[in-house]
Amino acid sequence: MTSLETAKSIVKILDEKKAMDITVIETQELTVMSDYFVIASGTSNTHVRSLADDVEDAMTKLGVEIDHVEGRATGWILLDYGCVLVHIFQPESREYYNLERLWGDASKVDISDILTED
């Protein structure tokens, strides 16, 4: 599975589990730590943890193992899939850290064909 396929698989999982404001940015030209960031929000700490668990479980079923997890007890959980870093926030934390602005030079990936309409 390529890194873009991994990112899009994660987007599908997050979308199915009602994550909000899902964004994918391409970071491979800007850093060696990843090719893509998948950024999403949950509605509460419980929803954020559930989204992270669902991504981890579904990706394992697809044969993609997680390298590392950070922040399970906070409003920001990071799932490290090597080439894809998944950031799942509570809305307040996402607004505060504003990764989209911080990584403003990164290109956004069009995921409109993946996301379901509300």
Foldseek 3Di string as FASTA:
>chain_A
DDQVVLLLVLVLQCQVLPWPDWWKWACVVPDQQAGIEIETEDADLVSLLVSVVSSQVVVVVVVQHWDDWDDNPHQWIWTHSRRYIYIYGHVVVCVVVVVCVVVVVTHIDDNVVSHDDD
